[in-house]
Each structure stands twice: as structure tokens, then as C-alpha cells.
């Protein structure tokens, strides 16, 4: 039984845990992490989720993601999810998420990473991920329109591609 740490609306730890996937009480929030891998061809690595996943089974999704477990920091969860889902070891200890999205029961942290590995260099466990491939923004938006990809807002996908090399709302010096 996996547990998650709980936070208040300002992301301050509440000092208590909950069982993963259980409904949260009013004023309780969790942290989810996502990692988007981008190559030099302006493509994002996407994954097809395993068929036994609770959320979005068999759907295509961004590179990697999952919940922050009790006792973990967000960057540690992002590192763990990358390894579990793609066999990729990276250090994110000195990284902050590129952006955080607030949703009704928590915070979605997004890390954006450059990566030029060939598909066959990844190690994908079949219990986590069915398949992976590199796709352009246009191709991902088409997959969303066709119902094969998790129904992210079109503008959000565009934002991820736009921010992959520029942290913030405008280029800083």
C-alpha cells in the first residue's frame, strides 16, 4: 500500500500521509511529477501507458510521470519515475520544475529535459509502459484530436514545446 505526503494549498507539508489513489479531504493536496524529454529534432518522447494503469490505461502520454511518495521530494520522484518507466538515470537534484500546474487536489510539477537517445536505448518495463516513440508537437496534437493521447489542452502542449529551452514567460539574460 503506497502512501503519499499531504500538503496545504500553499504547498506546505501537513505532516500526514494518505494512501495513494484514495480521495483527499478538503484542504489536502498531493504532488504529481512529469518529465518531458525533448530531442534536437524538436520532438517529445511519448509513452503508451500499460493497460492495467488506473488512470488512462493504454493511452499515449508525455514522457514520464507519477505521484510523489511519502518521504520523497518532487525531484526524487521525477528521477524514480524516469528510471521505472524508461530505464533512464538522471540527476534532478539541482533542478526546479519548469512549471507547476495547480489542479483541484494538488500540484503537477513539470521537468523539461533535453535527450537525444535512440528509442532502442531506453529500457521499458512492460508492466509500466507498452511502447515509446518520438513525436513532434503537430503529431501529438493530432493524436489528442484522434483520441489516442490523454486529452491535454492544446495550448498546454504548445507551452511545453515552447518552454523546453526557455525557463519562464520570456527569455531572460
Protein backbone atom coordinates (compact mmCIF):
# COMPACT_ATOMS: atom_id res chain seq x y z
CA UNK A 1 0.00 0.00 0.00
CA UNK A 2 1.78 3.12 -1.25
CA UNK A 3 1.48 6.33 0.73
CA UNK A 4 1.77 9.98 -0.29
CA UNK A 5 2.58 13.06 1.76
CA UNK A 6 -0.16 15.67 2.08
CA UNK A 7 0.19 19.44 1.66
CA UNK A 8 -1.94 22.53 2.18
CA UNK A 9 -2.99 24.88 -0.63
CA UNK A 10 0.32 26.74 -0.31
CA UNK A 11 2.30 23.51 -0.67
CA UNK A 12 3.28 23.43 2.98
CA UNK A 13 3.54 19.89 4.40
CA UNK A 14 0.62 18.94 6.64
CA UNK A 15 2.69 16.31 8.46
CA UNK A 16 0.39 13.49 7.46
CA UNK A 17 0.04 10.91 4.72
CA UNK A 18 -2.70 9.26 2.70
CA UNK A 19 -2.98 6.08 0.69
CA UNK A 20 -2.24 6.64 -2.99
CA UNK A 21 -5.38 6.93 -5.17
CA UNK A 22 -7.71 7.47 -2.19
CA UNK A 23 -9.86 10.63 -2.26
CA UNK A 24 -8.34 13.54 -0.37
CA UNK A 25 -10.19 15.60 2.22
CA UNK A 26 -10.92 19.30 1.82
CA UNK A 27 -7.68 21.26 2.20
CA UNK A 28 -5.43 18.27 1.41
CA UNK A 29 -3.24 18.26 -1.70
CA UNK A 30 -0.69 15.96 -3.29
CA UNK A 31 2.22 16.42 -5.71
CA UNK A 32 2.46 14.71 -9.09
CA UNK A 33 5.59 14.94 -11.24
CA UNK A 34 6.03 14.77 -15.01
CA UNK A 35 9.19 14.71 -17.08
CA UNK A 36 9.17 15.69 -20.75
CA UNK A 37 12.15 14.57 -22.82
CA UNK A 38 12.88 16.57 -25.97
CA UNK A 39 15.35 15.75 -28.73
CA UNK A 40 17.21 18.04 -31.14
CA UNK A 41 14.59 17.34 -33.83
CA UNK A 42 12.00 19.25 -31.76
CA UNK A 43 10.22 16.04 -30.77
CA UNK A 44 8.99 14.85 -27.39
CA UNK A 45 9.39 11.27 -26.24
CA UNK A 46 5.92 9.91 -25.55
CA UNK A 47 4.82 6.68 -23.92
CA UNK A 48 1.83 4.40 -24.26
CA UNK A 49 0.60 3.60 -20.77
CA UNK A 50 0.21 -0.01 -19.65
CA UNK A 51 -3.29 -1.47 -19.94
CA UNK A 52 -3.64 -2.06 -16.19
CA UNK A 53 -2.99 1.57 -15.17
CA UNK A 54 -5.76 3.08 -13.04
CA UNK A 55 -5.70 6.36 -14.95
CA UNK A 56 -5.76 6.41 -18.77
CA UNK A 57 -4.87 2.74 -19.48
CA UNK A 58 -3.46 2.20 -22.96
CA UNK A 59 -3.43 5.93 -23.77
CA UNK A 60 -0.39 7.80 -25.07
CA UNK A 61 1.09 10.33 -22.64
CA UNK A 62 4.09 12.59 -22.17
CA UNK A 63 7.48 11.01 -21.44
CA UNK A 64 7.14 10.05 -17.78
CA UNK A 65 5.16 10.83 -14.67
CA UNK A 66 3.71 9.71 -11.37
CA UNK A 67 3.00 10.54 -7.77
CA UNK A 68 5.45 11.74 -5.17
CA UNK A 69 5.60 9.04 -2.50
CA UNK A 70 5.73 9.73 1.24
CA UNK A 71 9.18 10.94 2.22
CA UNK A 72 10.23 11.89 -1.31
CA UNK A 73 11.00 15.29 -2.72
CA UNK A 74 9.46 16.10 -6.12
CA UNK A 75 12.82 15.87 -7.93
CA UNK A 76 13.43 12.42 -6.39
CA UNK A 77 10.05 11.20 -7.61
CA UNK A 78 10.81 12.55 -11.10
CA UNK A 79 14.15 10.69 -11.11
CA UNK A 80 12.44 7.49 -9.87
CA UNK A 81 9.65 7.67 -12.45
CA UNK A 82 12.14 8.21 -15.30
CA UNK A 83 14.06 5.14 -14.20
CA UNK A 84 10.98 2.97 -13.58
CA UNK A 85 9.28 3.88 -16.85
CA UNK A 86 12.20 4.43 -19.24
CA UNK A 87 15.30 2.97 -17.57
CA UNK A 88 16.87 6.45 -17.64
CA UNK A 89 19.08 7.61 -14.75
CA UNK A 90 19.41 11.37 -14.40
CA UNK A 91 20.06 13.70 -11.51
CA UNK A 92 17.44 16.41 -11.00
CA UNK A 93 18.63 17.40 -7.53
CA UNK A 94 19.75 20.83 -8.72
CA UNK A 95 16.70 21.37 -10.93
CA UNK A 96 13.42 23.08 -10.21
CA UNK A 97 10.37 22.19 -12.27
CA UNK A 98 9.95 24.37 -15.35
CA UNK A 99 6.35 24.90 -14.32
CA UNK A 100 3.78 23.82 -11.79
CA UNK A 101 0.11 23.47 -12.63
CA UNK A 102 -2.42 23.67 -9.82
CA UNK A 103 -5.29 21.21 -10.17
CA UNK A 104 -8.18 20.61 -7.74
CA UNK A 105 -6.35 18.14 -5.47
CA UNK A 106 -2.74 19.06 -5.93
CA UNK A 107 0.21 20.28 -7.88
CA UNK A 108 1.61 18.96 -11.17
CA UNK A 109 5.35 19.67 -11.47
CA UNK A 110 6.83 19.53 -15.00
CA UNK A 111 10.53 18.96 -15.62
CA UNK A 112 11.77 19.50 -19.21
CA UNK A 113 14.96 17.72 -20.28
CA UNK A 114 16.99 17.52 -23.49
CA UNK A 115 17.69 13.95 -24.55
CA UNK A 116 18.86 12.54 -27.87
CA UNK A 117 18.75 8.82 -27.16
CA UNK A 118 17.57 6.43 -29.83
CA UNK A 119 14.34 4.58 -28.96
CA UNK A 120 16.17 1.25 -28.61
CA UNK A 121 18.48 2.74 -25.94
CA UNK A 122 15.60 3.00 -23.46
CA UNK A 123 14.68 0.10 -21.19
CA UNK A 124 10.91 -0.04 -20.86
CA UNK A 125 9.31 -2.45 -18.41
CA UNK A 126 6.11 -3.83 -19.96
CA UNK A 127 4.25 -3.56 -16.65
CA UNK A 128 4.67 0.24 -16.79
CA UNK A 129 4.82 1.20 -20.46
CA UNK A 130 3.65 -0.57 -23.63
CA UNK A 131 5.63 1.48 -26.17
CA UNK A 132 7.58 4.70 -26.66
CA UNK A 133 8.28 6.93 -29.64
CA UNK A 134 9.43 10.44 -30.52
CA UNK A 135 6.68 12.76 -31.86
CA UNK A 136 6.50 16.41 -32.95
CA UNK A 137 4.09 18.90 -31.43
CA UNK A 138 1.88 18.63 -34.52
CA UNK A 139 1.81 14.84 -34.31
CA UNK A 140 0.93 14.90 -30.59
CA UNK A 141 -1.87 17.41 -31.17
CA UNK A 142 -3.20 15.13 -33.94
CA UNK A 143 -3.11 12.15 -31.59
CA UNK A 144 -5.07 14.15 -29.00
CA UNK A 145 -7.65 15.10 -31.65
CA UNK A 146 -7.97 11.42 -32.64
CA UNK A 147 -8.48 10.35 -29.01
CA UNK A 148 -5.26 8.30 -28.78
CA UNK A 149 -3.42 10.64 -26.42
CA UNK A 150 -4.51 11.92 -22.99
CA UNK A 151 -6.72 14.93 -23.63
CA UNK A 152 -4.28 17.68 -22.60
CA UNK A 153 -5.25 21.22 -23.56
CA UNK A 154 -3.76 22.09 -26.95
CA UNK A 155 -2.25 25.27 -25.52
CA UNK A 156 -0.55 23.29 -22.76
CA UNK A 157 1.23 21.02 -25.25
CA UNK A 158 2.28 24.12 -27.19
CA UNK A 159 3.57 25.66 -23.94
CA UNK A 160 5.71 22.60 -23.15
CA UNK A 161 7.32 22.72 -26.59
CA UNK A 162 7.80 26.49 -26.29
CA UNK A 163 9.41 26.30 -22.84
CA UNK A 164 11.76 23.38 -23.50
CA UNK A 165 14.77 25.66 -23.77
CA UNK A 166 13.49 28.86 -22.11
CA UNK A 167 12.55 28.85 -18.46
CA UNK A 168 9.90 31.47 -17.65
CA UNK A 169 7.40 33.55 -19.56
CA UNK A 170 10.05 35.36 -21.63
CA UNK A 171 13.77 34.83 -22.38
CA UNK A 172 15.93 36.16 -19.57
CA UNK A 173 19.56 37.17 -19.77
